Amino acid sequence: MDRVFLIGFMGAGKTTIGKALAQIINYRFFDIDDLIEQKTGKTISDIFDKNNEEEFRKFEQQALKEIINEKEIVVATGGGTPCFNNNLELIKQAGISVYLKQPSLMLYYRLRNSKDEYPLLKDVSYSELMPYINKLLRKRKPFYKQADIIIQYNSSPVEEITQKLLEELYSLGLRIAPPTTSSNAE
């Protein structure tokens, strides 16, 4: 398999980890939201405002289908991508799925200062944010848990998370050189 799909809740770090991983293994990086914006000429927020979530999910699946057969790619999916249509099935057939799992409290801390960047959070007040995260996470976890790899972390550095992910990918047969570890061997 030479395709890696990062799934997980909004704000979990899929784009940040995805870019770091792609650079290390010399794969191309794609962000589903960026692909949708390029294709439609609209921001994700505009799509949600002017259309609706259902319309957005159609664009999301189209973007996924357009890149799913590319070789040597790392893809940051949207938080809901694996939960709609048959996207998770497509992802699992095409490559290795990785759930970047963070506790809801950590997601809250990450999202509270950037909630305007996420259309689903736009109208959620700060006092409603934690219950909203918990509710949506409960709905999405059954999909996320089907990932081939689950990387759980709190506030670890990107390099540490990426190294852990590389080791897991290598053990599943991703065609990359094994991760190097520092050693003092002569």
N, C-alpha and C. Protein backbone atom coordinates (compact mmCIF):
# COMPACT_ATOMS: atom_id res chain seq x y z
N MET A 1 0.84 -1.19 0.00
CA MET A 1 0.00 0.00 0.00
C MET A 1 0.88 1.25 0.00
N ASP A 2 0.57 2.16 -0.86
CA ASP A 2 1.36 3.39 -0.89
C ASP A 2 0.46 4.62 -0.78
N ARG A 3 -0.63 4.44 -0.01
CA ARG A 3 -1.54 5.55 0.26
C ARG A 3 -1.87 5.54 1.74
N VAL A 4 -1.76 6.72 2.36
CA VAL A 4 -2.04 6.85 3.79
C VAL A 4 -3.14 7.90 3.95
N PHE A 5 -4.21 7.52 4.64
CA PHE A 5 -5.34 8.41 4.87
C PHE A 5 -5.45 8.69 6.36
N LEU A 6 -5.33 9.95 6.74
CA LEU A 6 -5.45 10.33 8.14
C LEU A 6 -6.89 10.73 8.42
N ILE A 7 -7.47 10.08 9.42
CA ILE A 7 -8.83 10.38 9.81
C ILE A 7 -8.82 10.78 11.29
N GLY A 8 -9.89 11.43 11.70
CA GLY A 8 -10.01 11.85 13.09
C GLY A 8 -10.81 13.12 13.20
N PHE A 9 -11.08 13.51 14.41
CA PHE A 9 -11.94 14.66 14.68
C PHE A 9 -11.28 15.94 14.19
N MET A 10 -12.11 16.95 13.94
CA MET A 10 -11.58 18.25 13.54
C MET A 10 -10.63 18.75 14.63
N GLY A 11 -9.53 19.34 14.19
CA GLY A 11 -8.56 19.87 15.13
C GLY A 11 -7.60 18.84 15.70
N ALA A 12 -7.66 17.60 15.23
CA ALA A 12 -6.80 16.54 15.78
C ALA A 12 -5.38 16.60 15.24
N GLY A 13 -5.14 17.43 14.23
CA GLY A 13 -3.78 17.55 13.70
C GLY A 13 -3.54 16.78 12.41
N LYS A 14 -4.58 16.41 11.70
CA LYS A 14 -4.42 15.61 10.48
C LYS A 14 -3.57 16.33 9.43
N THR A 15 -3.81 17.61 9.24
CA THR A 15 -3.05 18.36 8.23
C THR A 15 -1.60 18.52 8.67
N THR A 16 -1.37 18.89 9.90
CA THR A 16 -0.01 19.10 10.40
C THR A 16 0.80 17.80 10.35
N ILE A 17 0.22 16.72 10.88
CA ILE A 17 0.90 15.42 10.88
C ILE A 17 1.06 14.92 9.45
N GLY A 18 0.04 15.11 8.64
CA GLY A 18 0.08 14.65 7.24
C GLY A 18 1.19 15.30 6.45
N LYS A 19 1.34 16.61 6.59
CA LYS A 19 2.42 17.32 5.89
C LYS A 19 3.78 16.84 6.36
N ALA A 20 3.93 16.65 7.65
CA ALA A 20 5.22 16.19 8.20
C ALA A 20 5.54 14.78 7.69
N LEU A 21 4.55 13.91 7.72
CA LEU A 21 4.75 12.53 7.26
C LEU A 21 5.10 12.50 5.78
N ALA A 22 4.34 13.23 4.98
CA ALA A 22 4.58 13.25 3.52
C ALA A 22 5.99 13.72 3.21
N GLN A 23 6.45 14.71 3.92
CA GLN A 23 7.81 15.22 3.68
C GLN A 23 8.86 14.17 4.03
N ILE A 24 8.68 13.49 5.13
CA ILE A 24 9.65 12.48 5.57
C ILE A 24 9.73 11.31 4.59
N ILE A 25 8.58 10.83 4.11
CA ILE A 25 8.58 9.65 3.23
C ILE A 25 8.55 10.02 1.75
N ASN A 26 8.63 11.31 1.48
CA ASN A 26 8.67 11.80 0.10
C ASN A 26 7.43 11.41 -0.70
N TYR A 27 6.27 11.55 -0.07
CA TYR A 27 4.98 11.35 -0.72
C TYR A 27 4.36 12.72 -0.96
N ARG A 28 3.39 12.79 -1.85
CA ARG A 28 2.63 14.03 -2.04
C ARG A 28 1.57 14.12 -0.95
N PHE A 29 1.28 15.33 -0.55
CA PHE A 29 0.28 15.56 0.49
C PHE A 29 -0.96 16.22 -0.11
N PHE A 30 -2.13 15.71 0.28
CA PHE A 30 -3.41 16.30 -0.12
C PHE A 30 -4.27 16.52 1.12
N ASP A 31 -4.95 17.64 1.14
CA ASP A 31 -5.93 17.93 2.19
C ASP A 31 -7.28 17.99 1.48
N ILE A 32 -8.21 17.16 1.89
CA ILE A 32 -9.52 17.07 1.23
C ILE A 32 -10.20 18.44 1.19
N ASP A 33 -10.16 19.17 2.29
CA ASP A 33 -10.81 20.50 2.31
C ASP A 33 -10.18 21.43 1.28
N ASP A 34 -8.86 21.41 1.16
CA ASP A 34 -8.19 22.25 0.15
C ASP A 34 -8.62 21.86 -1.26
N LEU A 35 -8.73 20.55 -1.50
CA LEU A 35 -9.15 20.08 -2.82
C LEU A 35 -10.56 20.56 -3.15
N ILE A 36 -11.45 20.52 -2.16
CA ILE A 36 -12.83 20.98 -2.37
C ILE A 36 -12.83 22.47 -2.70
N GLU A 37 -12.05 23.24 -1.95
CA GLU A 37 -12.00 24.68 -2.19
C GLU A 37 -11.44 25.00 -3.58
N GLN A 38 -10.41 24.26 -4.01
CA GLN A 38 -9.83 24.47 -5.34
C GLN A 38 -10.85 24.13 -6.43
N LYS A 39 -11.54 23.04 -6.25
CA LYS A 39 -12.49 22.55 -7.26
C LYS A 39 -13.72 23.46 -7.38
N THR A 40 -14.24 23.92 -6.24
CA THR A 40 -15.47 24.69 -6.26
C THR A 40 -15.24 26.20 -6.36
N GLY A 41 -14.03 26.64 -6.00
CA GLY A 41 -13.77 28.08 -5.97
C GLY A 41 -14.45 28.75 -4.78
N LYS A 42 -14.90 27.95 -3.83
CA LYS A 42 -15.55 28.47 -2.62
C LYS A 42 -14.82 27.96 -1.39
N THR A 43 -14.92 28.72 -0.31
CA THR A 43 -14.37 28.22 0.95
C THR A 43 -15.33 27.19 1.52
N ILE A 44 -14.83 26.37 2.42
CA ILE A 44 -15.68 25.37 3.07
C ILE A 44 -16.84 26.08 3.78
N SER A 45 -16.54 27.18 4.45
CA SER A 45 -17.60 27.94 5.14
C SER A 45 -18.66 28.42 4.17
N ASP A 46 -18.25 28.90 2.99
CA ASP A 46 -19.22 29.36 1.99
C ASP A 46 -20.11 28.21 1.52
N ILE A 47 -19.53 27.05 1.34
CA ILE A 47 -20.31 25.89 0.91
C ILE A 47 -21.37 25.57 1.96
N PHE A 48 -20.96 25.55 3.24
CA PHE A 48 -21.91 25.28 4.31
C PHE A 48 -22.98 26.37 4.38
N ASP A 49 -22.56 27.64 4.22
CA ASP A 49 -23.51 28.76 4.32
C ASP A 49 -24.48 28.81 3.15
N LYS A 50 -23.95 28.67 1.94
CA LYS A 50 -24.77 28.86 0.74
C LYS A 50 -25.47 27.59 0.29
N ASN A 51 -24.90 26.45 0.60
CA ASN A 51 -25.51 25.18 0.25
C ASN A 51 -25.98 24.54 1.56
N ASN A 52 -25.39 23.42 1.92
CA ASN A 52 -25.67 22.79 3.20
C ASN A 52 -24.65 21.68 3.42
N GLU A 53 -24.74 21.03 4.57
CA GLU A 53 -23.76 19.98 4.86
C GLU A 53 -23.87 18.83 3.87
N GLU A 54 -25.07 18.50 3.45
CA GLU A 54 -25.26 17.40 2.51
C GLU A 54 -24.53 17.68 1.18
N GLU A 55 -24.65 18.89 0.71
CA GLU A 55 -23.96 19.29 -0.52
C GLU A 55 -22.44 19.22 -0.33
N PHE A 56 -21.98 19.68 0.83
CA PHE A 56 -20.55 19.61 1.14
C PHE A 56 -20.08 18.17 1.11
N ARG A 57 -20.85 17.25 1.68
CA ARG A 57 -20.44 15.84 1.73
C ARG A 57 -20.33 15.25 0.32
N LYS A 58 -21.14 15.74 -0.61
CA LYS A 58 -21.01 15.29 -2.00
C LYS A 58 -19.68 15.76 -2.59
N PHE A 59 -19.35 17.03 -2.36
CA PHE A 59 -18.07 17.56 -2.84
C PHE A 59 -16.90 16.79 -2.21
N GLU A 60 -17.07 16.46 -0.94
CA GLU A 60 -16.04 15.75 -0.20
C GLU A 60 -15.77 14.37 -0.82
N GLN A 61 -16.84 13.66 -1.14
CA GLN A 61 -16.66 12.35 -1.75
C GLN A 61 -16.07 12.46 -3.15
N GLN A 62 -16.47 13.48 -3.91
CA GLN A 62 -15.90 13.68 -5.24
C GLN A 62 -14.39 13.92 -5.14
N ALA A 63 -13.98 14.75 -4.18
CA ALA A 63 -12.56 15.04 -4.01
C ALA A 63 -11.80 13.77 -3.64
N LEU A 64 -12.38 12.98 -2.75
CA LEU A 64 -11.75 11.73 -2.35
C LEU A 64 -11.59 10.79 -3.55
N LYS A 65 -12.64 10.66 -4.33
CA LYS A 65 -12.60 9.77 -5.49
C LYS A 65 -11.59 10.23 -6.54
N GLU A 66 -11.38 11.54 -6.64
CA GLU A 66 -10.44 12.06 -7.63
C GLU A 66 -8.98 11.72 -7.31
N ILE A 67 -8.67 11.56 -6.03
CA ILE A 67 -7.27 11.30 -5.67
C ILE A 67 -7.02 9.88 -5.17
N ILE A 68 -8.06 9.11 -5.00
CA ILE A 68 -7.94 7.83 -4.31
C ILE A 68 -7.01 6.84 -5.02
N ASN A 69 -6.83 6.98 -6.31
CA ASN A 69 -5.97 6.04 -7.03
C ASN A 69 -4.57 6.59 -7.30
N GLU A 70 -4.30 7.79 -6.80
CA GLU A 70 -2.95 8.34 -6.92
C GLU A 70 -1.98 7.47 -6.13
N LYS A 71 -0.75 7.46 -6.53
CA LYS A 71 0.27 6.67 -5.83
C LYS A 71 1.08 7.58 -4.92
N GLU A 72 1.61 6.99 -3.87
CA GLU A 72 2.51 7.67 -2.93
C GLU A 72 1.92 9.00 -2.45
N ILE A 73 0.80 8.88 -1.74
CA ILE A 73 0.12 10.07 -1.21
C ILE A 73 -0.19 9.91 0.28
N VAL A 74 -0.23 11.04 0.94
CA VAL A 74 -0.75 11.14 2.30
C VAL A 74 -1.93 12.10 2.20
N VAL A 75 -3.08 11.69 2.74
CA VAL A 75 -4.29 12.49 2.63
C VAL A 75 -4.84 12.83 4.01
N ALA A 76 -5.03 14.11 4.26
CA ALA A 76 -5.73 14.55 5.47
C ALA A 76 -7.19 14.68 5.09
N THR A 77 -8.03 13.83 5.67
CA THR A 77 -9.45 13.89 5.39
C THR A 77 -10.10 14.93 6.30
N GLY A 78 -11.33 15.29 5.98
CA GLY A 78 -12.10 16.11 6.90
C GLY A 78 -12.54 15.25 8.07
N GLY A 79 -12.91 15.88 9.17
CA GLY A 79 -13.31 15.13 10.36
C GLY A 79 -14.48 14.20 10.11
N GLY A 80 -15.38 14.57 9.20
CA GLY A 80 -16.54 13.73 8.92
C GLY A 80 -16.40 12.84 7.71
N THR A 81 -15.32 12.99 6.97
CA THR A 81 -15.16 12.23 5.72
C THR A 81 -15.45 10.74 5.87
N PRO A 82 -14.85 10.04 6.84
CA PRO A 82 -15.09 8.59 6.89
C PRO A 82 -16.48 8.21 7.37
N CYS A 83 -17.25 9.18 7.82
CA CYS A 83 -18.55 8.89 8.43
C CYS A 83 -19.72 9.01 7.47
N PHE A 84 -19.47 9.39 6.23
CA PHE A 84 -20.55 9.63 5.29
C PHE A 84 -20.35 8.82 4.02
N ASN A 85 -21.49 8.57 3.36
CA ASN A 85 -21.50 7.80 2.12
C ASN A 85 -20.74 6.50 2.36
N ASN A 86 -19.94 6.06 1.44
CA ASN A 86 -19.14 4.86 1.68
C ASN A 86 -17.65 5.24 1.71
N ASN A 87 -17.36 6.43 2.20
CA ASN A 87 -15.99 6.94 2.16
C ASN A 87 -15.00 6.07 2.94
N LEU A 88 -15.40 5.59 4.10
CA LEU A 88 -14.47 4.77 4.88
C LEU A 88 -14.12 3.49 4.13
N GLU A 89 -15.10 2.90 3.48
CA GLU A 89 -14.85 1.70 2.68
C GLU A 89 -13.87 2.01 1.55
N LEU A 90 -14.07 3.14 0.87
CA LEU A 90 -13.16 3.54 -0.21
C LEU A 90 -11.74 3.72 0.33
N ILE A 91 -11.63 4.40 1.46
CA ILE A 91 -10.33 4.66 2.07
C ILE A 91 -9.63 3.35 2.42
N LYS A 92 -10.35 2.44 3.07
CA LYS A 92 -9.74 1.19 3.52
C LYS A 92 -9.35 0.28 2.35
N GLN A 93 -10.10 0.36 1.25
CA GLN A 93 -9.74 -0.44 0.07
C GLN A 93 -8.51 0.13 -0.63
N ALA A 94 -8.35 1.44 -0.56
CA ALA A 94 -7.28 2.09 -1.32
C ALA A 94 -5.96 2.20 -0.60
N GLY A 95 -5.97 2.15 0.73
CA GLY A 95 -4.72 2.36 1.44
C GLY A 95 -4.82 2.06 2.91
N ILE A 96 -3.93 2.67 3.65
CA ILE A 96 -3.86 2.48 5.10
C ILE A 96 -4.55 3.67 5.77
N SER A 97 -5.49 3.36 6.64
CA SER A 97 -6.20 4.42 7.36
C SER A 97 -5.59 4.57 8.76
N VAL A 98 -5.44 5.81 9.17
CA VAL A 98 -4.83 6.12 10.47
C VAL A 98 -5.75 7.06 11.22
N TYR A 99 -6.18 6.63 12.39
CA TYR A 99 -7.01 7.47 13.26
C TYR A 99 -6.10 8.23 14.21
N LEU A 100 -6.06 9.54 14.08
CA LEU A 100 -5.32 10.38 15.02
C LEU A 100 -6.29 10.70 16.14
N LYS A 101 -6.10 10.02 17.25
CA LYS A 101 -7.06 10.06 18.36
C LYS A 101 -6.55 10.96 19.48
N GLN A 102 -7.38 11.91 19.82
CA GLN A 102 -7.08 12.78 20.95
C GLN A 102 -8.26 12.77 21.91
N PRO A 103 -8.01 12.93 23.20
CA PRO A 103 -9.12 13.01 24.15
C PRO A 103 -9.96 14.26 23.88
N SER A 104 -11.23 14.19 24.22
CA SER A 104 -12.13 15.31 23.94
C SER A 104 -11.69 16.60 24.62
N LEU A 105 -11.10 16.51 25.78
CA LEU A 105 -10.64 17.74 26.46
C LEU A 105 -9.53 18.41 25.66
N MET A 106 -8.62 17.62 25.10
CA MET A 106 -7.54 18.17 24.27
C MET A 106 -8.13 18.80 23.00
N LEU A 107 -9.11 18.14 22.42
CA LEU A 107 -9.77 18.70 21.23
C LEU A 107 -10.44 20.03 21.58
N TYR A 108 -11.06 20.07 22.74
CA TYR A 108 -11.70 21.31 23.19
C TYR A 108 -10.66 22.44 23.26
N TYR A 109 -9.53 22.18 23.89
CA TYR A 109 -8.49 23.21 24.00
C TYR A 109 -7.98 23.64 22.63
N ARG A 110 -7.87 22.70 21.71
CA ARG A 110 -7.39 23.04 20.37
C ARG A 110 -8.43 23.81 19.56
N LEU A 111 -9.71 23.50 19.77
CA LEU A 111 -10.77 24.09 18.94
C LEU A 111 -11.34 25.39 19.49
N ARG A 112 -11.23 25.60 20.77
CA ARG A 112 -11.92 26.76 21.36
C ARG A 112 -11.45 28.10 20.81
N ASN A 113 -10.19 28.19 20.44
CA ASN A 113 -9.67 29.45 19.91
C ASN A 113 -9.69 29.53 18.38
N SER A 114 -10.13 28.46 17.75
CA SER A 114 -10.17 28.47 16.28
C SER A 114 -11.50 27.95 15.75
N LYS A 115 -12.53 28.00 16.59
CA LYS A 115 -13.81 27.39 16.19
C LYS A 115 -14.44 28.06 14.98
N ASP A 116 -14.08 29.31 14.71
CA ASP A 116 -14.63 29.98 13.53
C ASP A 116 -14.11 29.38 12.22
N GLU A 117 -13.01 28.63 12.30
CA GLU A 117 -12.45 27.99 11.12
C GLU A 117 -13.23 26.73 10.72
N TYR A 118 -14.11 26.27 11.61
CA TYR A 118 -14.83 25.02 11.39
C TYR A 118 -16.33 25.32 11.27
N PRO A 119 -16.91 25.15 10.08
CA PRO A 119 -18.33 25.49 9.89
C PRO A 119 -19.28 24.82 10.88
N LEU A 120 -19.00 23.58 11.27
CA LEU A 120 -19.89 22.90 12.20
C LEU A 120 -19.86 23.53 13.60
N LEU A 121 -18.82 24.30 13.89
CA LEU A 121 -18.68 24.91 15.22
C LEU A 121 -19.07 26.38 15.24
N LYS A 122 -19.31 26.93 14.08
CA LYS A 122 -19.54 28.37 13.95
C LYS A 122 -20.62 28.90 14.90
N ASP A 123 -21.71 28.18 15.02
CA ASP A 123 -22.83 28.63 15.84
C ASP A 123 -22.87 27.99 17.23
N VAL A 124 -21.80 27.30 17.60
CA VAL A 124 -21.73 26.65 18.91
C VAL A 124 -21.06 27.63 19.88
N SER A 125 -21.72 27.92 20.98
CA SER A 125 -21.14 28.85 21.96
C SER A 125 -20.00 28.14 22.70
N TYR A 126 -19.18 28.94 23.37
CA TYR A 126 -18.07 28.36 24.13
C TYR A 126 -18.58 27.42 25.22
N SER A 127 -19.70 27.79 25.85
CA SER A 127 -20.23 26.93 26.92
C SER A 127 -20.82 25.63 26.36
N GLU A 128 -21.21 25.63 25.10
CA GLU A 128 -21.77 24.43 24.47
C GLU A 128 -20.71 23.59 23.75
N LEU A 129 -19.49 24.13 23.65
CA LEU A 129 -18.48 23.48 22.81
C LEU A 129 -18.10 22.09 23.31
N MET A 130 -17.80 21.93 24.58
CA MET A 130 -17.38 20.63 25.10
C MET A 130 -18.50 19.58 24.95
N PRO A 131 -19.75 19.89 25.34
CA PRO A 131 -20.81 18.89 25.11
C PRO A 131 -21.00 18.57 23.63
N TYR A 132 -20.84 19.57 22.77
CA TYR A 132 -20.97 19.34 21.32
C TYR A 132 -19.88 18.40 20.82
N ILE A 133 -18.65 18.65 21.24
CA ILE A 133 -17.52 17.78 20.85
C ILE A 133 -17.80 16.35 21.29
N ASN A 134 -18.19 16.18 22.55
CA ASN A 134 -18.46 14.84 23.07
C ASN A 134 -19.56 14.13 22.29
N LYS A 135 -20.63 14.86 21.98
CA LYS A 135 -21.75 14.28 21.24
C LYS A 135 -21.33 13.85 19.83
N LEU A 136 -20.63 14.75 19.12
CA LEU A 136 -20.21 14.43 17.76
C LEU A 136 -19.15 13.33 17.74
N LEU A 137 -18.27 13.34 18.72
CA LEU A 137 -17.24 12.31 18.82
C LEU A 137 -17.87 10.94 19.05
N ARG A 138 -18.90 10.89 19.89
CA ARG A 138 -19.61 9.61 20.11
C ARG A 138 -20.20 9.07 18.80
N LYS A 139 -20.72 9.95 17.96
CA LYS A 139 -21.30 9.53 16.68
C LYS A 139 -20.21 9.04 15.72
N ARG A 140 -19.07 9.69 15.75
CA ARG A 140 -18.03 9.40 14.76
C ARG A 140 -17.06 8.29 15.17
N LYS A 141 -16.92 8.03 16.46
CA LYS A 141 -15.95 7.04 16.92
C LYS A 141 -16.11 5.66 16.28
N PRO A 142 -17.35 5.18 16.09
CA PRO A 142 -17.48 3.85 15.46
C PRO A 142 -16.80 3.80 14.08
N PHE A 143 -16.78 4.91 13.37
CA PHE A 143 -16.10 4.97 12.07
C PHE A 143 -14.59 5.08 12.28
N TYR A 144 -14.19 6.00 13.13
CA TYR A 144 -12.76 6.22 13.37
C TYR A 144 -12.06 4.95 13.86
N LYS A 145 -12.75 4.20 14.72
CA LYS A 145 -12.13 3.00 15.32
C LYS A 145 -11.88 1.88 14.32
N GLN A 146 -12.41 2.01 13.12
CA GLN A 146 -12.17 0.99 12.09
C GLN A 146 -10.85 1.20 11.36
N ALA A 147 -10.12 2.23 11.73
CA ALA A 147 -8.84 2.53 11.08
C ALA A 147 -7.86 1.38 11.27
N ASP A 148 -6.95 1.25 10.33
CA ASP A 148 -5.92 0.22 10.40
C ASP A 148 -4.93 0.49 11.54
N ILE A 149 -4.69 1.77 11.79
CA ILE A 149 -3.76 2.20 12.84
C ILE A 149 -4.46 3.26 13.67
N ILE A 150 -4.30 3.17 14.98
CA ILE A 150 -4.80 4.21 15.87
C ILE A 150 -3.61 4.79 16.63
N ILE A 151 -3.40 6.08 16.44
CA ILE A 151 -2.32 6.78 17.14
C ILE A 151 -2.99 7.70 18.16
N GLN A 152 -2.81 7.38 19.43
CA GLN A 152 -3.41 8.18 20.50
C GLN A 152 -2.34 9.08 21.09
N TYR A 153 -2.69 10.35 21.25
CA TYR A 153 -1.74 11.30 21.83
C TYR A 153 -2.47 12.47 22.44
N ASN A 154 -1.78 13.17 23.31
CA ASN A 154 -2.32 14.38 23.93
C ASN A 154 -1.68 15.58 23.27
N SER A 155 -0.56 16.00 23.79
CA SER A 155 0.09 17.19 23.24
C SER A 155 1.54 16.89 22.85
N SER A 156 1.76 15.73 22.32
CA SER A 156 3.11 15.32 21.90
C SER A 156 3.60 16.17 20.74
N PRO A 157 4.92 16.34 20.64
CA PRO A 157 5.47 17.08 19.49
C PRO A 157 5.18 16.33 18.18
N VAL A 158 5.05 17.09 17.11
CA VAL A 158 4.75 16.52 15.79
C VAL A 158 5.77 15.45 15.43
N GLU A 159 7.03 15.70 15.71
CA GLU A 159 8.08 14.73 15.35
C GLU A 159 7.87 13.40 16.05
N GLU A 160 7.46 13.44 17.31
CA GLU A 160 7.24 12.21 18.08
C GLU A 160 6.05 11.43 17.53
N ILE A 161 4.98 12.12 17.22
CA ILE A 161 3.79 11.48 16.66
C ILE A 161 4.13 10.88 15.29
N THR A 162 4.85 11.63 14.48
CA THR A 162 5.21 11.17 13.14
C THR A 162 6.11 9.94 13.22
N GLN A 163 7.05 9.93 14.14
CA GLN A 163 7.94 8.77 14.31
C GLN A 163 7.14 7.53 14.70
N LYS A 164 6.22 7.70 15.63
CA LYS A 164 5.36 6.58 16.05
C LYS A 164 4.54 6.07 14.86
N LEU A 165 4.00 7.00 14.08
CA LEU A 165 3.22 6.64 12.91
C LEU A 165 4.06 5.92 11.87
N LEU A 166 5.28 6.40 11.64
CA LEU A 166 6.18 5.73 10.69
C LEU A 166 6.44 4.28 11.09
N GLU A 167 6.67 4.05 12.36
CA GLU A 167 6.92 2.69 12.84
C GLU A 167 5.71 1.80 12.58
N GLU A 168 4.52 2.33 12.84
CA GLU A 168 3.29 1.55 12.60
C GLU A 168 3.09 1.28 11.11
N LEU A 169 3.32 2.28 10.29
CA LEU A 169 3.17 2.12 8.84
C LEU A 169 4.15 1.09 8.29
N TYR A 170 5.36 1.15 8.76
CA TYR A 170 6.37 0.19 8.32
C TYR A 170 5.96 -1.24 8.70
N SER A 171 5.41 -1.38 9.91
CA SER A 171 5.01 -2.72 10.35
C SER A 171 3.84 -3.27 9.53
N LEU A 172 3.05 -2.38 8.93
CA LEU A 172 1.94 -2.81 8.08
C LEU A 172 2.34 -2.99 6.61
N GLY A 173 3.59 -2.71 6.31
CA GLY A 173 4.06 -2.97 4.96
C GLY A 173 4.09 -1.79 4.02
N LEU A 174 3.96 -0.58 4.54
CA LEU A 174 4.09 0.58 3.66
C LEU A 174 5.49 0.55 3.07
N ARG A 175 5.59 0.76 1.77
CA ARG A 175 6.87 0.65 1.08
C ARG A 175 7.72 1.90 1.28
N ILE A 176 8.31 1.98 2.45
CA ILE A 176 9.24 3.06 2.75
C ILE A 176 10.41 2.45 3.50
N ALA A 177 11.49 3.15 3.55
CA ALA A 177 12.63 2.67 4.34
C ALA A 177 12.21 2.66 5.80
N PRO A 178 12.69 1.69 6.58
CA PRO A 178 12.32 1.65 7.99
C PRO A 178 12.79 2.93 8.69
N PRO A 179 12.03 3.40 9.66
CA PRO A 179 12.45 4.59 10.37
C PRO A 179 13.78 4.36 11.08
N THR A 180 14.60 5.37 11.04
CA THR A 180 15.89 5.26 11.69
C THR A 180 15.77 5.71 13.13
N THR A 181 16.51 5.08 13.99
CA THR A 181 16.55 5.51 15.38
C THR A 181 17.97 5.88 15.69
N SER A 182 18.14 6.86 16.53
CA SER A 182 19.50 7.27 16.86
C SER A 182 20.15 6.20 17.71
N SER A 183 21.39 5.98 17.43
CA SER A 183 22.12 4.99 18.25
C SER A 183 23.56 5.43 18.35
N ASN A 184 24.18 4.97 19.37
CA ASN A 184 25.57 5.31 19.61
C ASN A 184 26.50 4.16 19.19
N ALA A 185 26.00 3.29 18.37
CA ALA A 185 26.81 2.15 17.93
C ALA A 185 27.96 2.64 17.07
N GLU A 186 29.09 1.97 17.20
CA GLU A 186 30.27 2.39 16.43
C GLU A 186 30.32 1.72 15.10
